[in-house]
Amino acid sequence: MNEPNAIPPWIPPAMAEPEGFVGLGGDLKPDTLYQAYSDGVFPWFNEGDPILWWSPDPRAIIELDSLHVSRSLTRTIRSGRFTITRDRAFRDVVTACAETRAEGTWITPAMIAAYHTLHQRGIAHSLETWIPTDAPNRTDAPPGAGWKLAGGIYGVAIGAFFAGESMFHFERDASKVALVALVEHLRQKGFLLFDVQMRTDHTTRMGAVEISRAAYLRRLRAAIKQTHILFA
């Protein structure tokens, strides 16, 4: 990365109100986004609106040793129905996350382009789940002819910190399988903090909890110092 912006468009998160609004404006350039995540800030805004920056209190995380996996999901994983890959279809995953939300999305074309650039720089990553479209026991690896993207998740990795941005599914349980695979990968690689920003019914069922912004920022600072930790 290049040198971060001297004056970011957000205030220090510790100074913000609980709802978490910390700034307006700026841009979605890779250096800006990198600095934002390093500061505990993320962009969230609707298409046509100015860029809005957030750092809510409390903050939702999934403790890497406390993921809740139901018995039915465990059976699905063990069945081998889904094939899992990493960083094989990043842009497709982000685009699907935008297109599968009936209530609308903050993942605008500008956001898709920005995170794709982060992916090209090795900072944003995806996990994908696939199903075969013809032979049930294919021996080749997806993507490609004969494979359908079933679900996925993407986010940003800095040191031992991973910020989960969004997930989607075209097939039942496909995004949950991707989330389980992601958590296991983060554990194996030595990650310390998995941020999911704001708790939802889905992430709560999977084990998401809330911690204070102050505690989150302390853990974030410790995690991003672990520069020897790599996602790949």
C-alpha atoms as a PDB file:
ATOM      1  CA  MET A   1       0.000   0.000   0.000  1.00  0.00           C
ATOM      2  CA  ASN A   2       0.974   3.617  -0.455  1.00  0.00           C
ATOM      3  CA  GLU A   3       1.114   6.112   2.385  1.00  0.00           C
ATOM      4  CA  PRO A   4      -2.338   6.586   3.970  1.00  0.00           C
ATOM      5  CA  ASN A   5      -4.266   9.829   3.593  1.00  0.00           C
ATOM      6  CA  ALA A   6      -2.923  12.545   5.917  1.00  0.00           C
ATOM      7  CA  ILE A   7      -6.428  13.743   6.839  1.00  0.00           C
ATOM      8  CA  PRO A   8      -9.117  11.036   6.532  1.00  0.00           C
ATOM      9  CA  PRO A   9     -12.766  12.105   6.130  1.00  0.00           C
ATOM     10  CA  TRP A  10     -13.755  10.536   9.473  1.00  0.00           C
ATOM     11  CA  ILE A  11     -13.220  11.484  13.085  1.00  0.00           C
ATOM     12  CA  PRO A  12     -11.491   9.039  15.452  1.00  0.00           C
ATOM     13  CA  PRO A  13     -14.100   6.344  16.231  1.00  0.00           C
ATOM     14  CA  ALA A  14     -13.568   6.761  19.982  1.00  0.00           C
ATOM     15  CA  MET A  15     -15.085  10.250  19.653  1.00  0.00           C
ATOM     16  CA  ALA A  16     -18.256   9.074  17.866  1.00  0.00           C
ATOM     17  CA  GLU A  17     -21.771   8.604  19.189  1.00  0.00           C
ATOM     18  CA  PRO A  18     -23.014   5.008  19.688  1.00  0.00           C
ATOM     19  CA  GLU A  19     -24.819   4.857  16.322  1.00  0.00           C
ATOM     20  CA  GLY A  20     -21.375   5.087  14.802  1.00  0.00           C
ATOM     21  CA  PHE A  21     -21.477   7.807  12.160  1.00  0.00           C
ATOM     22  CA  VAL A  22     -17.920   9.133  11.921  1.00  0.00           C
ATOM     23  CA  GLY A  23     -17.600  10.953   8.612  1.00  0.00           C
ATOM     24  CA  LEU A  24     -18.811  11.986   5.177  1.00  0.00           C
ATOM     25  CA  GLY A  25     -17.090  12.292   1.823  1.00  0.00           C
ATOM     26  CA  GLY A  26     -13.674  11.227   0.702  1.00  0.00           C
ATOM     27  CA  ASP A  27     -13.233   8.422  -1.812  1.00  0.00           C
ATOM     28  CA  LEU A  28     -13.084   4.652  -2.161  1.00  0.00           C
ATOM     29  CA  LYS A  29      -9.483   4.440  -3.297  1.00  0.00           C
ATOM     30  CA  PRO A  30      -7.526   1.439  -1.990  1.00  0.00           C
ATOM     31  CA  ASP A  31      -5.397   3.531   0.379  1.00  0.00           C
ATOM     32  CA  THR A  32      -8.492   5.184   1.847  1.00  0.00           C
ATOM     33  CA  LEU A  33     -10.240   1.860   2.425  1.00  0.00           C
ATOM     34  CA  TYR A  34      -7.093   0.325   3.887  1.00  0.00           C
ATOM     35  CA  GLN A  35      -6.771   3.191   6.353  1.00  0.00           C
ATOM     36  CA  ALA A  36     -10.477   3.022   7.194  1.00  0.00           C
ATOM     37  CA  TYR A  37     -10.386  -0.659   8.162  1.00  0.00           C
ATOM     38  CA  SER A  38      -7.163  -0.102  10.073  1.00  0.00           C
ATOM     39  CA  ASP A  39      -8.944   2.641  12.047  1.00  0.00           C
ATOM     40  CA  GLY A  40     -12.058   0.534  12.739  1.00  0.00           C
ATOM     41  CA  VAL A  41     -14.185   2.348  10.148  1.00  0.00           C
ATOM     42  CA  PHE A  42     -16.158   1.053   7.160  1.00  0.00           C
ATOM     43  CA  PRO A  43     -18.165   2.695   4.329  1.00  0.00           C
ATOM     44  CA  TRP A  44     -21.938   2.209   4.179  1.00  0.00           C
ATOM     45  CA  PHE A  45     -24.197   4.331   2.006  1.00  0.00           C
ATOM     46  CA  ASN A  46     -26.869   4.095  -0.687  1.00  0.00           C
ATOM     47  CA  GLU A  47     -26.287   4.689  -4.363  1.00  0.00           C
ATOM     48  CA  GLY A  48     -26.566   8.386  -5.137  1.00  0.00           C
ATOM     49  CA  ASP A  49     -25.636   9.410  -1.586  1.00  0.00           C
ATOM     50  CA  PRO A  50     -22.258  10.766  -0.515  1.00  0.00           C
ATOM     51  CA  ILE A  51     -19.841   8.263   0.995  1.00  0.00           C
ATOM     52  CA  LEU A  52     -20.706   7.723   4.669  1.00  0.00           C
ATOM     53  CA  TRP A  53     -18.274   6.214   7.179  1.00  0.00           C
ATOM     54  CA  TRP A  54     -19.264   4.222  10.282  1.00  0.00           C
ATOM     55  CA  SER A  55     -17.867   2.676  13.455  1.00  0.00           C
ATOM     56  CA  PRO A  56     -20.826   1.558  15.619  1.00  0.00           C
ATOM     57  CA  ASP A  57     -20.826   0.903  19.348  1.00  0.00           C
ATOM     58  CA  PRO A  58     -21.263  -1.933  20.162  1.00  0.00           C
ATOM     59  CA  ARG A  59     -19.515  -3.815  17.357  1.00  0.00           C
ATOM     60  CA  ALA A  60     -20.460  -7.319  16.229  1.00  0.00           C
ATOM     61  CA  ILE A  61     -17.786 -10.007  15.956  1.00  0.00           C
ATOM     62  CA  ILE A  62     -17.634 -13.779  15.713  1.00  0.00           C
ATOM     63  CA  GLU A  63     -15.150 -15.310  18.103  1.00  0.00           C
ATOM     64  CA  LEU A  64     -13.182 -17.799  16.040  1.00  0.00           C
ATOM     65  CA  ASP A  65     -13.489 -20.536  18.666  1.00  0.00           C
ATOM     66  CA  SER A  66     -17.211 -19.953  19.274  1.00  0.00           C
ATOM     67  CA  LEU A  67     -18.914 -20.433  15.907  1.00  0.00           C
ATOM     68  CA  HIS A  68     -22.318 -22.120  16.263  1.00  0.00           C
ATOM     69  CA  VAL A  69     -22.804 -24.911  13.719  1.00  0.00           C
ATOM     70  CA  SER A  70     -26.150 -26.697  13.907  1.00  0.00           C
ATOM     71  CA  ARG A  71     -26.476 -30.442  13.530  1.00  0.00           C
ATOM     72  CA  SER A  72     -28.258 -30.063  10.203  1.00  0.00           C
ATOM     73  CA  LEU A  73     -25.518 -27.783   8.874  1.00  0.00           C
ATOM     74  CA  THR A  74     -22.879 -30.214  10.099  1.00  0.00           C
ATOM     75  CA  ARG A  75     -24.609 -32.964   8.133  1.00  0.00           C
ATOM     76  CA  THR A  76     -24.679 -30.761   5.041  1.00  0.00           C
ATOM     77  CA  ILE A  77     -20.949 -30.036   5.327  1.00  0.00           C
ATOM     78  CA  ARG A  78     -20.122 -33.704   5.806  1.00  0.00           C
ATOM     79  CA  SER A  79     -22.273 -34.703   2.835  1.00  0.00           C
ATOM     80  CA  GLY A  80     -19.806 -33.057   0.468  1.00  0.00           C
ATOM     81  CA  ARG A  81     -22.627 -31.394  -1.445  1.00  0.00           C
ATOM     82  CA  PHE A  82     -20.631 -28.186  -1.805  1.00  0.00           C
ATOM     83  CA  THR A  83     -17.117 -27.704  -3.114  1.00  0.00           C
ATOM     84  CA  ILE A  84     -15.286 -24.790  -1.473  1.00  0.00           C
ATOM     85  CA  THR A  85     -12.710 -22.497  -3.058  1.00  0.00           C
ATOM     86  CA  ARG A  86     -10.907 -19.325  -2.028  1.00  0.00           C
ATOM     87  CA  ASP A  87     -10.367 -16.260  -4.213  1.00  0.00           C
ATOM     88  CA  ARG A  88     -11.518 -18.035  -7.355  1.00  0.00           C
ATOM     89  CA  ALA A  89     -14.523 -15.801  -8.174  1.00  0.00           C
ATOM     90  CA  PHE A  90     -14.152 -12.650  -6.090  1.00  0.00           C
ATOM     91  CA  ARG A  91     -15.985 -10.221  -8.358  1.00  0.00           C
ATOM     92  CA  ASP A  92     -18.797 -12.729  -8.942  1.00  0.00           C
ATOM     93  CA  VAL A  93     -19.252 -13.092  -5.176  1.00  0.00           C
ATOM     94  CA  VAL A  94     -19.401  -9.341  -4.566  1.00  0.00           C
ATOM     95  CA  THR A  95     -21.790  -8.831  -7.476  1.00  0.00           C
ATOM     96  CA  ALA A  96     -24.037 -11.642  -6.223  1.00  0.00           C
ATOM     97  CA  CYS A  97     -24.062 -10.099  -2.739  1.00  0.00           C
ATOM     98  CA  ALA A  98     -25.366  -6.902  -4.331  1.00  0.00           C
ATOM     99  CA  GLU A  99     -27.960  -8.557  -6.564  1.00  0.00           C
ATOM    100  CA  THR A 100     -29.548 -10.982  -4.092  1.00  0.00           C
ATOM    101  CA  ARG A 101     -30.821  -8.404  -1.583  1.00  0.00           C
ATOM    102  CA  ALA A 102     -34.525  -7.723  -2.150  1.00  0.00           C
ATOM    103  CA  GLU A 103     -34.462  -4.793   0.280  1.00  0.00           C
ATOM    104  CA  GLY A 104     -31.789  -2.984  -1.719  1.00  0.00           C
ATOM    105  CA  THR A 105     -28.050  -2.822  -1.297  1.00  0.00           C
ATOM    106  CA  TRP A 106     -25.197  -0.543  -0.340  1.00  0.00           C
ATOM    107  CA  ILE A 107     -22.914  -2.527  -2.664  1.00  0.00           C
ATOM    108  CA  THR A 108     -22.979  -0.030  -5.516  1.00  0.00           C
ATOM    109  CA  PRO A 109     -21.045  -0.392  -8.780  1.00  0.00           C
ATOM    110  CA  ALA A 110     -18.434   1.970  -7.318  1.00  0.00           C
ATOM    111  CA  MET A 111     -18.119  -0.267  -4.240  1.00  0.00           C
ATOM    112  CA  ILE A 112     -17.773  -3.388  -6.387  1.00  0.00           C
ATOM    113  CA  ALA A 113     -14.977  -1.753  -8.381  1.00  0.00           C
ATOM    114  CA  ALA A 114     -13.244  -0.523  -5.214  1.00  0.00           C
ATOM    115  CA  TYR A 115     -13.221  -3.904  -3.488  1.00  0.00           C
ATOM    116  CA  HIS A 116     -12.153  -5.637  -6.686  1.00  0.00           C
ATOM    117  CA  THR A 117      -9.113  -3.357  -6.710  1.00  0.00           C
ATOM    118  CA  LEU A 118      -8.427  -4.313  -3.077  1.00  0.00           C
ATOM    119  CA  HIS A 119      -8.679  -7.948  -4.125  1.00  0.00           C
ATOM    120  CA  GLN A 120      -6.159  -7.407  -6.908  1.00  0.00           C
ATOM    121  CA  ARG A 121      -3.799  -5.979  -4.271  1.00  0.00           C
ATOM    122  CA  GLY A 122      -4.211  -9.033  -2.053  1.00  0.00           C
ATOM    123  CA  ILE A 123      -6.225  -7.284   0.667  1.00  0.00           C
ATOM    124  CA  ALA A 124      -9.834  -8.341  -0.081  1.00  0.00           C
ATOM    125  CA  HIS A 125     -10.715 -12.024  -0.315  1.00  0.00           C
ATOM    126  CA  SER A 126     -13.614 -14.356  -1.002  1.00  0.00           C
ATOM    127  CA  LEU A 127     -14.723 -17.886  -0.228  1.00  0.00           C
ATOM    128  CA  GLU A 128     -16.982 -19.568  -2.726  1.00  0.00           C
ATOM    129  CA  THR A 129     -19.245 -22.625  -2.585  1.00  0.00           C
ATOM    130  CA  TRP A 130     -20.057 -24.536  -5.783  1.00  0.00           C
ATOM    131  CA  ILE A 131     -22.299 -27.345  -6.925  1.00  0.00           C
ATOM    132  CA  PRO A 132     -21.857 -29.444 -10.073  1.00  0.00           C
ATOM    133  CA  THR A 133     -24.429 -28.919 -12.800  1.00  0.00           C
ATOM    134  CA  ASP A 134     -23.982 -32.255 -14.539  1.00  0.00           C
ATOM    135  CA  ALA A 135     -22.051 -35.191 -13.041  1.00  0.00           C
ATOM    136  CA  PRO A 136     -22.460 -35.289  -9.226  1.00  0.00           C
ATOM    137  CA  ASN A 137     -18.912 -36.534  -8.637  1.00  0.00           C
ATOM    138  CA  ARG A 138     -16.800 -34.287 -10.802  1.00  0.00           C
ATOM    139  CA  THR A 139     -13.052 -34.616 -10.376  1.00  0.00           C
ATOM    140  CA  ASP A 140     -12.081 -31.232 -11.833  1.00  0.00           C
ATOM    141  CA  ALA A 141     -11.993 -28.066  -9.737  1.00  0.00           C
ATOM    142  CA  PRO A 142     -14.370 -25.113 -10.057  1.00  0.00           C
ATOM    143  CA  PRO A 143     -14.929 -22.642 -11.549  1.00  0.00           C
ATOM    144  CA  GLY A 144     -15.608 -23.611 -15.114  1.00  0.00           C
ATOM    145  CA  ALA A 145     -18.071 -25.506 -17.257  1.00  0.00           C
ATOM    146  CA  GLY A 146     -20.087 -27.919 -15.193  1.00  0.00           C
ATOM    147  CA  TRP A 147     -19.973 -25.841 -12.006  1.00  0.00           C
ATOM    148  CA  LYS A 148     -22.483 -23.367 -10.578  1.00  0.00           C
ATOM    149  CA  LEU A 149     -21.656 -20.737  -7.967  1.00  0.00           C
ATOM    150  CA  ALA A 150     -23.974 -21.542  -5.059  1.00  0.00           C
ATOM    151  CA  GLY A 151     -22.922 -19.049  -2.394  1.00  0.00           C
ATOM    152  CA  GLY A 152     -20.062 -17.084  -0.939  1.00  0.00           C
ATOM    153  CA  ILE A 153     -18.672 -14.457   1.388  1.00  0.00           C
ATOM    154  CA  TYR A 154     -16.102 -11.689   1.002  1.00  0.00           C
ATOM    155  CA  GLY A 155     -14.166  -9.312   3.217  1.00  0.00           C
ATOM    156  CA  VAL A 156     -10.944  -7.481   3.980  1.00  0.00           C
ATOM    157  CA  ALA A 157      -7.839  -8.913   5.666  1.00  0.00           C
ATOM    158  CA  ILE A 158      -5.163  -6.793   7.384  1.00  0.00           C
ATOM    159  CA  GLY A 159      -2.660  -8.645   9.526  1.00  0.00           C
ATOM    160  CA  ALA A 160      -4.612 -10.991  11.819  1.00  0.00           C
ATOM    161  CA  PHE A 161      -7.847  -9.027  11.302  1.00  0.00           C
ATOM    162  CA  PHE A 162     -10.648  -9.996   8.909  1.00  0.00           C
ATOM    163  CA  ALA A 163     -13.692  -7.808   8.237  1.00  0.00           C
ATOM    164  CA  GLY A 164     -16.561  -9.793   6.781  1.00  0.00           C
ATOM    165  CA  GLU A 165     -18.473  -7.552   4.405  1.00  0.00           C
ATOM    166  CA  SER A 166     -21.349  -9.581   2.972  1.00  0.00           C
ATOM    167  CA  MET A 167     -22.477 -13.062   1.970  1.00  0.00           C
ATOM    168  CA  PHE A 168     -25.060 -14.531  -0.389  1.00  0.00           C
ATOM    169  CA  HIS A 169     -26.605 -17.844  -1.395  1.00  0.00           C
ATOM    170  CA  PHE A 170     -28.341 -19.218  -4.458  1.00  0.00           C
ATOM    171  CA  GLU A 171     -28.678 -22.653  -2.834  1.00  0.00           C
ATOM    172  CA  ARG A 172     -29.874 -23.445   0.682  1.00  0.00           C
ATOM    173  CA  ASP A 173     -27.044 -23.412   3.269  1.00  0.00           C
ATOM    174  CA  ALA A 174     -24.429 -22.353   0.680  1.00  0.00           C
ATOM    175  CA  SER A 175     -23.520 -19.114   2.475  1.00  0.00           C
ATOM    176  CA  LYS A 176     -23.468 -20.866   5.861  1.00  0.00           C
ATOM    177  CA  VAL A 177     -21.046 -23.466   4.524  1.00  0.00           C
ATOM    178  CA  ALA A 178     -18.864 -20.631   3.193  1.00  0.00           C
ATOM    179  CA  LEU A 179     -18.926 -18.926   6.604  1.00  0.00           C
ATOM    180  CA  VAL A 180     -17.927 -22.118   8.414  1.00  0.00           C
ATOM    181  CA  ALA A 181     -15.086 -22.650   5.931  1.00  0.00           C
ATOM    182  CA  LEU A 182     -13.942 -19.059   6.366  1.00  0.00           C
ATOM    183  CA  VAL A 183     -13.838 -19.301  10.164  1.00  0.00           C
ATOM    184  CA  GLU A 184     -11.874 -22.541   9.996  1.00  0.00           C
ATOM    185  CA  HIS A 185      -9.434 -20.965   7.529  1.00  0.00           C
ATOM    186  CA  LEU A 186      -8.961 -17.905   9.762  1.00  0.00           C
ATOM    187  CA  ARG A 187      -8.317 -20.149  12.762  1.00  0.00           C
ATOM    188  CA  GLN A 188      -5.745 -22.190  10.888  1.00  0.00           C
ATOM    189  CA  LYS A 189      -3.945 -19.077   9.690  1.00  0.00           C
ATOM    190  CA  GLY A 190      -3.756 -17.537  13.167  1.00  0.00           C
ATOM    191  CA  PHE A 191      -6.230 -14.679  12.810  1.00  0.00           C
ATOM    192  CA  LEU A 192      -7.292 -12.943  16.005  1.00  0.00           C
ATOM    193  CA  LEU A 193     -10.365 -10.871  15.124  1.00  0.00           C
ATOM    194  CA  PHE A 194     -13.326 -11.571  12.806  1.00  0.00           C
ATOM    195  CA  ASP A 195     -15.474  -8.451  12.467  1.00  0.00           C
ATOM    196  CA  VAL A 196     -19.045  -8.714  11.161  1.00  0.00           C
ATOM    197  CA  GLN A 197     -19.835  -5.036  11.887  1.00  0.00           C
ATOM    198  CA  MET A 198     -23.500  -5.255  12.952  1.00  0.00           C
ATOM    199  CA  ARG A 199     -25.306  -8.287  14.299  1.00  0.00           C
ATOM    200  CA  THR A 200     -28.142  -9.771  12.221  1.00  0.00           C
ATOM    201  CA  ASP A 201     -30.491 -12.679  12.921  1.00  0.00           C
ATOM    202  CA  HIS A 202     -28.380 -14.850  10.621  1.00  0.00           C
ATOM    203  CA  THR A 203     -25.004 -14.029  12.168  1.00  0.00           C
ATOM    204  CA  THR A 204     -26.476 -14.241  15.681  1.00  0.00           C
ATOM    205  CA  ARG A 205     -27.600 -17.809  15.003  1.00  0.00           C
ATOM    206  CA  MET A 206     -24.042 -18.549  13.852  1.00  0.00           C
ATOM    207  CA  GLY A 207     -22.556 -17.141  17.069  1.00  0.00           C
ATOM    208  CA  ALA A 208     -22.059 -13.408  16.523  1.00  0.00           C
ATOM    209  CA  VAL A 209     -21.754 -11.374  19.726  1.00  0.00           C
ATOM    210  CA  GLU A 210     -21.408  -7.691  20.480  1.00  0.00           C
ATOM    211  CA  ILE A 211     -18.484  -6.033  22.231  1.00  0.00           C
ATOM    212  CA  SER A 212     -17.927  -2.390  23.085  1.00  0.00           C
ATOM    213  CA  ARG A 213     -16.283  -0.197  20.483  1.00  0.00           C
ATOM    214  CA  ALA A 214     -13.445   0.478  22.905  1.00  0.00           C
ATOM    215  CA  ALA A 215     -12.768  -3.255  23.289  1.00  0.00           C
ATOM    216  CA  TYR A 216     -13.057  -3.732  19.540  1.00  0.00           C
ATOM    217  CA  LEU A 217     -10.541  -0.991  18.807  1.00  0.00           C
ATOM    218  CA  ARG A 218      -8.065  -2.473  21.296  1.00  0.00           C
ATOM    219  CA  ARG A 219      -8.350  -5.885  19.678  1.00  0.00           C
ATOM    220  CA  LEU A 220      -8.150  -4.363  16.195  1.00  0.00           C
ATOM    221  CA  ARG A 221      -4.896  -2.551  16.985  1.00  0.00           C
ATOM    222  CA  ALA A 222      -3.369  -5.774  18.296  1.00  0.00           C
ATOM    223  CA  ALA A 223      -4.545  -7.792  15.288  1.00  0.00           C
ATOM    224  CA  ILE A 224      -3.306  -5.490  12.522  1.00  0.00           C
ATOM    225  CA  LYS A 225       0.166  -5.455  14.088  1.00  0.00           C
ATOM    226  CA  GLN A 226       0.495  -9.165  13.245  1.00  0.00           C
ATOM    227  CA  THR A 227       1.913  -8.466   9.804  1.00  0.00           C
ATOM    228  CA  HIS A 228       3.289 -11.997   9.490  1.00  0.00           C
ATOM    229  CA  ILE A 229      -0.261 -13.382   9.281  1.00  0.00           C
ATOM    230  CA  LEU A 230      -1.396 -13.869   5.685  1.00  0.00           C
ATOM    231  CA  PHE A 231      -4.831 -14.872   4.425  1.00  0.00           C
ATOM    232  CA  ALA A 232      -3.574 -16.750   1.361  1.00  0.00           C
END
